[in-house]
Amino acid sequence: MQYSEQKIKEFISELAEALEIEEENISVNSKLSDLNWDSLAIISAISIADKCFGVVISIEKLAACKTINDIIDIAC
């Protein structure tokens, strides 16, 4: 499934808020290792993906992600 640009922007916006990063400093190409990516961020990302995309991503799949785009790809 492909998500609309609006859904992707919503995901990035909510993720930026959860990570306490200005939205303009985060994009689909952002490396998770460059962000405040920790266990709380992982749990937040799971919740945000469920809200925005209607899917629950496993911790194992999320742990393998390197970029925000990787998260969006596994949500599809």
Protein backbone atom coordinates (compact mmCIF):
# COMPACT_ATOMS: atom_id res chain seq x y z
CA MET A 1 0.00 0.00 0.00
CA GLN A 2 1.24 3.46 -0.82
CA TYR A 3 0.42 6.25 1.58
CA SER A 4 -0.50 9.77 0.61
CA GLU A 5 2.02 12.53 0.96
CA GLN A 6 -0.26 14.00 3.64
CA LYS A 7 -0.09 10.80 5.75
CA ILE A 8 3.70 10.72 5.42
CA LYS A 9 3.95 14.39 6.46
CA GLU A 10 1.69 13.65 9.44
CA PHE A 11 3.92 10.74 10.45
CA ILE A 12 7.08 12.84 10.18
CA SER A 13 5.48 15.72 12.09
CA GLU A 14 4.37 13.51 14.96
CA LEU A 15 7.70 11.68 15.02
CA ALA A 16 9.56 15.00 15.16
CA GLU A 17 7.43 16.05 18.11
CA ALA A 18 8.05 12.75 19.91
CA LEU A 19 11.80 13.06 19.29
CA GLU A 20 11.76 16.74 20.33
CA ILE A 21 13.21 17.82 16.98
CA GLU A 22 12.08 20.77 14.89
CA GLU A 23 9.99 19.42 12.02
CA GLU A 24 12.10 21.25 9.42
CA ASN A 25 15.16 19.32 10.67
CA ILE A 26 13.70 15.90 9.86
CA SER A 27 12.78 14.23 6.57
CA VAL A 28 12.17 10.78 5.12
CA ASN A 29 15.91 10.56 4.47
CA SER A 30 16.92 11.33 8.06
CA LYS A 31 19.09 8.64 9.60
CA LEU A 32 17.65 7.36 12.85
CA SER A 33 21.14 7.23 14.34
CA ASP A 34 21.34 11.03 13.91
CA LEU A 35 18.12 11.55 15.85
CA ASN A 36 17.26 11.05 19.52
CA TRP A 37 16.60 7.39 18.68
CA ASP A 38 16.28 5.26 21.79
CA SER A 39 13.86 2.71 23.24
CA LEU A 40 11.27 5.40 23.99
CA ALA A 41 11.54 6.68 20.41
CA ILE A 42 10.95 3.15 19.12
CA ILE A 43 7.79 2.77 21.19
CA SER A 44 6.62 6.21 20.05
CA ALA A 45 7.28 5.33 16.40
CA ILE A 46 5.19 2.16 16.74
CA SER A 47 2.30 4.16 18.18
CA ILE A 48 2.59 6.93 15.58
CA ALA A 49 2.72 4.41 12.70
CA ASP A 50 -0.42 2.76 14.06
CA LYS A 51 -2.19 6.13 14.27
CA CYS A 52 -1.05 7.43 10.86
CA PHE A 53 -0.96 4.25 8.80
CA GLY A 54 -3.18 1.83 10.72
CA VAL A 55 -0.42 -0.78 11.09
CA VAL A 56 1.46 -2.13 14.07
CA ILE A 57 5.16 -2.49 13.36
CA SER A 58 7.07 -5.05 15.39
CA ILE A 59 10.01 -3.91 17.48
CA GLU A 60 12.24 -6.34 15.56
CA LYS A 61 11.33 -4.81 12.18
CA LEU A 62 11.67 -1.29 13.53
CA ALA A 63 15.07 -2.06 15.04
CA ALA A 64 16.32 -2.98 11.55
CA CYS A 65 15.36 0.43 10.14
CA LYS A 66 18.12 2.92 9.38
CA THR A 67 16.05 5.88 8.08
CA ILE A 68 12.56 7.28 8.48
CA ASN A 69 11.86 6.09 4.94
CA ASP A 70 12.66 2.53 6.07
CA ILE A 71 9.91 2.84 8.68
CA ILE A 72 7.44 4.08 6.07
CA ASP A 73 8.45 1.23 3.73
CA ILE A 74 7.72 -1.47 6.32
CA ALA A 75 4.42 0.20 7.16
CA CYS A 76 3.28 -0.22 3.54
